[in-house]
Amino acid sequence: MMHSTAGAAFWSVTVLVLWLLVMGGSAWAAVRLIRRPRRQLPPSLPSPLEILERRFAAGEITRDDFDEARARLREHNLDL
């Protein structure tokens, strides 16, 4: 009788330890996935209109050049 009680206790403890390992491993994996650093997207390139506006603001082009280039961009829908 003593042998079967000891065997039952052994398997009860073994199953409990296995469940704890499975639950602990699952929790660890979930935390790792949640805290993983997000991949950052590369910075987007400025639109043609933004480049044109920067050049105008910097004084590289005149108002007439700016208006003409903006009109061309709008013709080709490159600014939106």
C-alpha atoms as a PDB file:
ATOM      1  CA  MET A   1       0.000   0.000   0.000  1.00  0.00           C
ATOM      2  CA  MET A   2       2.793   2.371   0.826  1.00  0.00           C
ATOM      3  CA  HIS A   3       4.278   1.911  -2.610  1.00  0.00           C
ATOM      4  CA  SER A   4       1.119   2.996  -4.480  1.00  0.00           C
ATOM      5  CA  THR A   5       0.642   6.072  -2.265  1.00  0.00           C
ATOM      6  CA  ALA A   6       4.234   7.168  -2.853  1.00  0.00           C
ATOM      7  CA  GLY A   7       3.819   6.621  -6.596  1.00  0.00           C
ATOM      8  CA  ALA A   8       0.606   8.645  -6.661  1.00  0.00           C
ATOM      9  CA  ALA A   9       2.283  11.475  -4.743  1.00  0.00           C
ATOM     10  CA  PHE A  10       5.255  11.421  -7.146  1.00  0.00           C
ATOM     11  CA  TRP A  11       3.032  11.697 -10.212  1.00  0.00           C
ATOM     12  CA  SER A  12       0.888  14.398  -8.621  1.00  0.00           C
ATOM     13  CA  VAL A  13       3.965  16.503  -7.916  1.00  0.00           C
ATOM     14  CA  THR A  14       5.402  15.778 -11.376  1.00  0.00           C
ATOM     15  CA  VAL A  15       2.196  16.853 -13.128  1.00  0.00           C
ATOM     16  CA  LEU A  16       2.008  19.996 -10.955  1.00  0.00           C
ATOM     17  CA  VAL A  17       5.615  20.911 -11.793  1.00  0.00           C
ATOM     18  CA  LEU A  18       5.019  20.311 -15.513  1.00  0.00           C
ATOM     19  CA  TRP A  19       1.923  22.540 -15.467  1.00  0.00           C
ATOM     20  CA  LEU A  20       3.878  25.261 -13.671  1.00  0.00           C
ATOM     21  CA  LEU A  21       6.635  25.032 -16.282  1.00  0.00           C
ATOM     22  CA  VAL A  22       4.133  25.218 -19.142  1.00  0.00           C
ATOM     23  CA  MET A  23       2.298  28.189 -17.615  1.00  0.00           C
ATOM     24  CA  GLY A  24       5.545  29.960 -16.716  1.00  0.00           C
ATOM     25  CA  GLY A  25       6.939  29.401 -20.208  1.00  0.00           C
ATOM     26  CA  SER A  26       3.752  30.721 -21.771  1.00  0.00           C
ATOM     27  CA  ALA A  27       3.838  33.833 -19.580  1.00  0.00           C
ATOM     28  CA  TRP A  28       7.525  34.377 -20.378  1.00  0.00           C
ATOM     29  CA  ALA A  29       6.866  34.044 -24.131  1.00  0.00           C
ATOM     30  CA  ALA A  30       3.919  36.459 -23.956  1.00  0.00           C
ATOM     31  CA  VAL A  31       6.004  39.063 -22.143  1.00  0.00           C
ATOM     32  CA  ARG A  32       8.835  38.684 -24.657  1.00  0.00           C
ATOM     33  CA  LEU A  33       6.440  39.183 -27.568  1.00  0.00           C
ATOM     34  CA  ILE A  34       4.785  42.205 -25.990  1.00  0.00           C
ATOM     35  CA  ARG A  35       8.015  43.920 -24.989  1.00  0.00           C
ATOM     36  CA  ARG A  36       9.849  43.197 -28.232  1.00  0.00           C
ATOM     37  CA  PRO A  37      10.956  46.472 -29.799  1.00  0.00           C
ATOM     38  CA  ARG A  38       8.830  47.446 -32.733  1.00  0.00           C
ATOM     39  CA  ARG A  39      10.487  47.652 -36.101  1.00  0.00           C
ATOM     40  CA  GLN A  40      10.651  51.264 -37.096  1.00  0.00           C
ATOM     41  CA  LEU A  41       9.723  52.231 -40.601  1.00  0.00           C
ATOM     42  CA  PRO A  42      12.347  54.151 -42.530  1.00  0.00           C
ATOM     43  CA  PRO A  43      11.642  57.855 -42.638  1.00  0.00           C
ATOM     44  CA  SER A  44       9.485  58.754 -45.596  1.00  0.00           C
ATOM     45  CA  LEU A  45      10.828  60.939 -48.357  1.00  0.00           C
ATOM     46  CA  PRO A  46       9.387  64.440 -48.654  1.00  0.00           C
ATOM     47  CA  SER A  47       6.802  64.979 -51.349  1.00  0.00           C
ATOM     48  CA  PRO A  48       7.695  67.052 -54.410  1.00  0.00           C
ATOM     49  CA  LEU A  49       5.509  69.882 -53.104  1.00  0.00           C
ATOM     50  CA  GLU A  50       7.328  69.852 -49.745  1.00  0.00           C
ATOM     51  CA  ILE A  51      10.670  70.069 -51.545  1.00  0.00           C
ATOM     52  CA  LEU A  52       9.357  72.946 -53.640  1.00  0.00           C
ATOM     53  CA  GLU A  53       8.059  74.764 -50.557  1.00  0.00           C
ATOM     54  CA  ARG A  54      11.410  74.346 -48.778  1.00  0.00           C
ATOM     55  CA  ARG A  55      13.300  75.707 -51.769  1.00  0.00           C
ATOM     56  CA  PHE A  56      10.967  78.705 -51.937  1.00  0.00           C
ATOM     57  CA  ALA A  57      11.275  79.325 -48.195  1.00  0.00           C
ATOM     58  CA  ALA A  58      15.071  79.128 -48.425  1.00  0.00           C
ATOM     59  CA  GLY A  59      15.076  81.698 -51.228  1.00  0.00           C
ATOM     60  CA  GLU A  60      16.453  79.307 -53.837  1.00  0.00           C
ATOM     61  CA  ILE A  61      13.585  80.040 -56.270  1.00  0.00           C
ATOM     62  CA  THR A  62      11.415  83.074 -56.954  1.00  0.00           C
ATOM     63  CA  ARG A  63       7.678  83.380 -56.410  1.00  0.00           C
ATOM     64  CA  ASP A  64       7.062  83.017 -60.156  1.00  0.00           C
ATOM     65  CA  ASP A  65       9.189  79.855 -60.312  1.00  0.00           C
ATOM     66  CA  PHE A  66       7.341  78.490 -57.287  1.00  0.00           C
ATOM     67  CA  ASP A  67       3.900  79.184 -58.769  1.00  0.00           C
ATOM     68  CA  GLU A  68       4.863  77.659 -62.115  1.00  0.00           C
ATOM     69  CA  ALA A  69       6.337  74.512 -60.547  1.00  0.00           C
ATOM     70  CA  ARG A  70       3.339  74.108 -58.227  1.00  0.00           C
ATOM     71  CA  ALA A  71       0.981  74.393 -61.193  1.00  0.00           C
ATOM     72  CA  ARG A  72       2.938  71.683 -63.013  1.00  0.00           C
ATOM     73  CA  LEU A  73       2.811  69.423 -59.967  1.00  0.00           C
ATOM     74  CA  ARG A  74      -0.939  69.885 -59.758  1.00  0.00           C
ATOM     75  CA  GLU A  75      -1.304  69.047 -63.453  1.00  0.00           C
ATOM     76  CA  HIS A  76       0.411  65.731 -62.875  1.00  0.00           C
ATOM     77  CA  ASN A  77      -1.026  65.154 -59.384  1.00  0.00           C
ATOM     78  CA  LEU A  78       2.443  64.709 -57.931  1.00  0.00           C
ATOM     79  CA  ASP A  79       1.817  66.794 -54.827  1.00  0.00           C
ATOM     80  CA  LEU A  80      -1.092  64.794 -53.351  1.00  0.00           C
END
